[in-house]
Amino acid sequence: MSDEMINNPEGFDPEEDPNALTEGDIIEMVGEDGETVSFIFVDALEYEGDVYLALAEPEEDDAVFFLKIEQDEDGNDVYNAPDEELEDILFQRFTEMRGKEEE
């Protein structure tokens, strides 16, 4: 996944209640190019006051990536991929969090 921003699908507000989604839910987002892309919701986590969605592509069950929830200048929700260093931190926290859930 590139660093391109993805527009928030209508009616979906994970920043307001990220726990409203459950693991395995399918989320469809529309990219800046207008193409609809489907992802599997895995979890939501907070890091330094920002909310990140942990998502997976339907064809790749084991590959998780993160999108940060932000707003553009018009107040629309957008999602940005974190840089590689932050993604590593998020992945480490994600695996720690998942490990605690299994205990």
C-alpha atoms as a PDB file:
ATOM      1  CA  MET A   1       0.000   0.000   0.000  1.00  0.00           C
ATOM      2  CA  SER A   2       1.396   3.393  -0.903  1.00  0.00           C
ATOM      3  CA  ASP A   3       1.199   6.598   1.107  1.00  0.00           C
ATOM      4  CA  GLU A   4      -1.786   7.756  -0.935  1.00  0.00           C
ATOM      5  CA  MET A   5      -4.725   9.107   1.005  1.00  0.00           C
ATOM      6  CA  ILE A   6      -7.930   7.117   0.900  1.00  0.00           C
ATOM      7  CA  ASN A   7     -11.288   8.812   1.415  1.00  0.00           C
ATOM      8  CA  ASN A   8     -13.515   7.649   4.240  1.00  0.00           C
ATOM      9  CA  PRO A   9     -16.495   5.634   3.035  1.00  0.00           C
ATOM     10  CA  GLU A  10     -19.834   7.238   3.834  1.00  0.00           C
ATOM     11  CA  GLY A  11     -21.227   6.384   7.256  1.00  0.00           C
ATOM     12  CA  PHE A  12     -17.979   4.879   8.578  1.00  0.00           C
ATOM     13  CA  ASP A  13     -16.455   6.807  11.483  1.00  0.00           C
ATOM     14  CA  PRO A  14     -13.838   4.656  13.269  1.00  0.00           C
ATOM     15  CA  GLU A  15     -12.353   7.678  15.062  1.00  0.00           C
ATOM     16  CA  GLU A  16     -15.670   8.169  16.840  1.00  0.00           C
ATOM     17  CA  ASP A  17     -15.931   4.485  17.766  1.00  0.00           C
ATOM     18  CA  PRO A  18     -13.187   2.223  16.375  1.00  0.00           C
ATOM     19  CA  ASN A  19     -14.599  -0.700  18.351  1.00  0.00           C
ATOM     20  CA  ALA A  20     -17.851  -0.568  16.370  1.00  0.00           C
ATOM     21  CA  LEU A  21     -16.119  -2.739  13.790  1.00  0.00           C
ATOM     22  CA  THR A  22     -15.334  -6.346  14.502  1.00  0.00           C
ATOM     23  CA  GLU A  23     -12.452  -8.418  13.236  1.00  0.00           C
ATOM     24  CA  GLY A  24     -13.173  -9.765   9.786  1.00  0.00           C
ATOM     25  CA  ASP A  25     -15.510  -6.951   8.710  1.00  0.00           C
ATOM     26  CA  ILE A  26     -14.986  -5.895   5.104  1.00  0.00           C
ATOM     27  CA  ILE A  27     -14.308  -2.193   4.590  1.00  0.00           C
ATOM     28  CA  GLU A  28     -14.596  -0.659   1.148  1.00  0.00           C
ATOM     29  CA  MET A  29     -12.734   2.580   0.508  1.00  0.00           C
ATOM     30  CA  VAL A  30     -12.540   4.794  -2.533  1.00  0.00           C
ATOM     31  CA  GLY A  31      -9.058   5.955  -3.501  1.00  0.00           C
ATOM     32  CA  GLU A  32      -8.208   9.328  -4.978  1.00  0.00           C
ATOM     33  CA  ASP A  33      -8.343   7.662  -8.390  1.00  0.00           C
ATOM     34  CA  GLY A  34     -12.013   6.779  -7.755  1.00  0.00           C
ATOM     35  CA  GLU A  35     -11.350   3.042  -7.600  1.00  0.00           C
ATOM     36  CA  THR A  36     -13.018   1.053  -4.797  1.00  0.00           C
ATOM     37  CA  VAL A  37     -10.704  -1.172  -2.768  1.00  0.00           C
ATOM     38  CA  SER A  38     -11.782  -3.757  -0.169  1.00  0.00           C
ATOM     39  CA  PHE A  39      -9.887  -4.509   3.027  1.00  0.00           C
ATOM     40  CA  ILE A  40     -10.455  -6.761   6.022  1.00  0.00           C
ATOM     41  CA  PHE A  41     -10.657  -4.926   9.349  1.00  0.00           C
ATOM     42  CA  VAL A  42      -8.316  -6.567  11.853  1.00  0.00           C
ATOM     43  CA  ASP A  43      -8.196  -4.089  14.746  1.00  0.00           C
ATOM     44  CA  ALA A  44      -7.837  -0.439  15.744  1.00  0.00           C
ATOM     45  CA  LEU A  45      -5.081   0.882  17.947  1.00  0.00           C
ATOM     46  CA  GLU A  46      -4.108   4.228  19.375  1.00  0.00           C
ATOM     47  CA  TYR A  47      -0.548   5.516  19.387  1.00  0.00           C
ATOM     48  CA  GLU A  48       0.500   8.951  20.658  1.00  0.00           C
ATOM     49  CA  GLY A  49      -3.073  10.227  20.454  1.00  0.00           C
ATOM     50  CA  ASP A  50      -3.701   9.092  16.879  1.00  0.00           C
ATOM     51  CA  VAL A  51      -5.990   6.246  15.833  1.00  0.00           C
ATOM     52  CA  TYR A  52      -4.727   3.667  13.343  1.00  0.00           C
ATOM     53  CA  LEU A  53      -6.681   0.928  11.622  1.00  0.00           C
ATOM     54  CA  ALA A  54      -4.976  -2.433  11.221  1.00  0.00           C
ATOM     55  CA  LEU A  55      -6.169  -3.818   7.890  1.00  0.00           C
ATOM     56  CA  ALA A  56      -5.406  -6.765   5.647  1.00  0.00           C
ATOM     57  CA  GLU A  57      -5.972  -7.332   1.972  1.00  0.00           C
ATOM     58  CA  PRO A  58      -8.458 -10.159   1.334  1.00  0.00           C
ATOM     59  CA  GLU A  59      -5.923 -12.214  -0.656  1.00  0.00           C
ATOM     60  CA  GLU A  60      -3.180 -11.881   1.980  1.00  0.00           C
ATOM     61  CA  ASP A  61      -4.454 -13.106   5.347  1.00  0.00           C
ATOM     62  CA  ASP A  62      -1.123 -12.723   7.162  1.00  0.00           C
ATOM     63  CA  ALA A  63      -0.092  -9.283   5.867  1.00  0.00           C
ATOM     64  CA  VAL A  64      -1.328  -6.441   8.076  1.00  0.00           C
ATOM     65  CA  PHE A  65      -0.842  -2.754   7.324  1.00  0.00           C
ATOM     66  CA  PHE A  66      -1.918   0.418   9.112  1.00  0.00           C
ATOM     67  CA  LEU A  67      -3.757   3.568   8.104  1.00  0.00           C
ATOM     68  CA  LYS A  68      -3.873   6.705  10.250  1.00  0.00           C
ATOM     69  CA  ILE A  69      -7.209   8.475  10.519  1.00  0.00           C
ATOM     70  CA  GLU A  70      -6.942  12.208   9.735  1.00  0.00           C
ATOM     71  CA  GLN A  71      -9.075  14.993   8.298  1.00  0.00           C
ATOM     72  CA  ASP A  72      -8.377  17.094   5.224  1.00  0.00           C
ATOM     73  CA  GLU A  73      -8.854  20.864   4.979  1.00  0.00           C
ATOM     74  CA  ASP A  74     -12.557  20.340   4.168  1.00  0.00           C
ATOM     75  CA  GLY A  75     -13.146  18.213   7.280  1.00  0.00           C
ATOM     76  CA  ASN A  76     -13.409  14.929   5.353  1.00  0.00           C
ATOM     77  CA  ASP A  77     -11.853  11.842   6.892  1.00  0.00           C
ATOM     78  CA  VAL A  78      -8.802  10.557   5.057  1.00  0.00           C
ATOM     79  CA  TYR A  79      -6.451   7.697   5.783  1.00  0.00           C
ATOM     80  CA  ASN A  80      -2.673   7.895   5.420  1.00  0.00           C
ATOM     81  CA  ALA A  81      -0.119   5.134   5.599  1.00  0.00           C
ATOM     82  CA  PRO A  82       2.558   5.826   8.237  1.00  0.00           C
ATOM     83  CA  ASP A  83       6.220   5.989   7.277  1.00  0.00           C
ATOM     84  CA  GLU A  84       8.241   2.780   7.519  1.00  0.00           C
ATOM     85  CA  GLU A  85       9.704   3.556  10.961  1.00  0.00           C
ATOM     86  CA  LEU A  86       6.294   4.265  12.491  1.00  0.00           C
ATOM     87  CA  GLU A  87       4.785   1.245  10.765  1.00  0.00           C
ATOM     88  CA  ASP A  88       7.425  -0.939  12.459  1.00  0.00           C
ATOM     89  CA  ILE A  89       6.486   0.551  15.854  1.00  0.00           C
ATOM     90  CA  LEU A  90       2.781   0.021  15.175  1.00  0.00           C
ATOM     91  CA  PHE A  91       3.355  -3.561  14.073  1.00  0.00           C
ATOM     92  CA  GLN A  92       5.328  -4.291  17.248  1.00  0.00           C
ATOM     93  CA  ARG A  93       2.554  -2.809  19.426  1.00  0.00           C
ATOM     94  CA  PHE A  94      -0.064  -4.662  17.397  1.00  0.00           C
ATOM     95  CA  THR A  95       1.645  -8.033  17.883  1.00  0.00           C
ATOM     96  CA  GLU A  96       2.126  -7.322  21.612  1.00  0.00           C
ATOM     97  CA  MET A  97      -1.548  -6.371  21.917  1.00  0.00           C
ATOM     98  CA  ARG A  98      -2.664  -9.502  20.054  1.00  0.00           C
ATOM     99  CA  GLY A  99      -0.396 -11.658  22.221  1.00  0.00           C
ATOM    100  CA  LYS A 100      -2.002 -10.295  25.405  1.00  0.00           C
ATOM    101  CA  GLU A 101      -5.482 -11.044  24.023  1.00  0.00           C
ATOM    102  CA  GLU A 102      -4.517 -14.693  23.518  1.00  0.00           C
ATOM    103  CA  GLU A 103      -3.282 -15.131  27.125  1.00  0.00           C
END
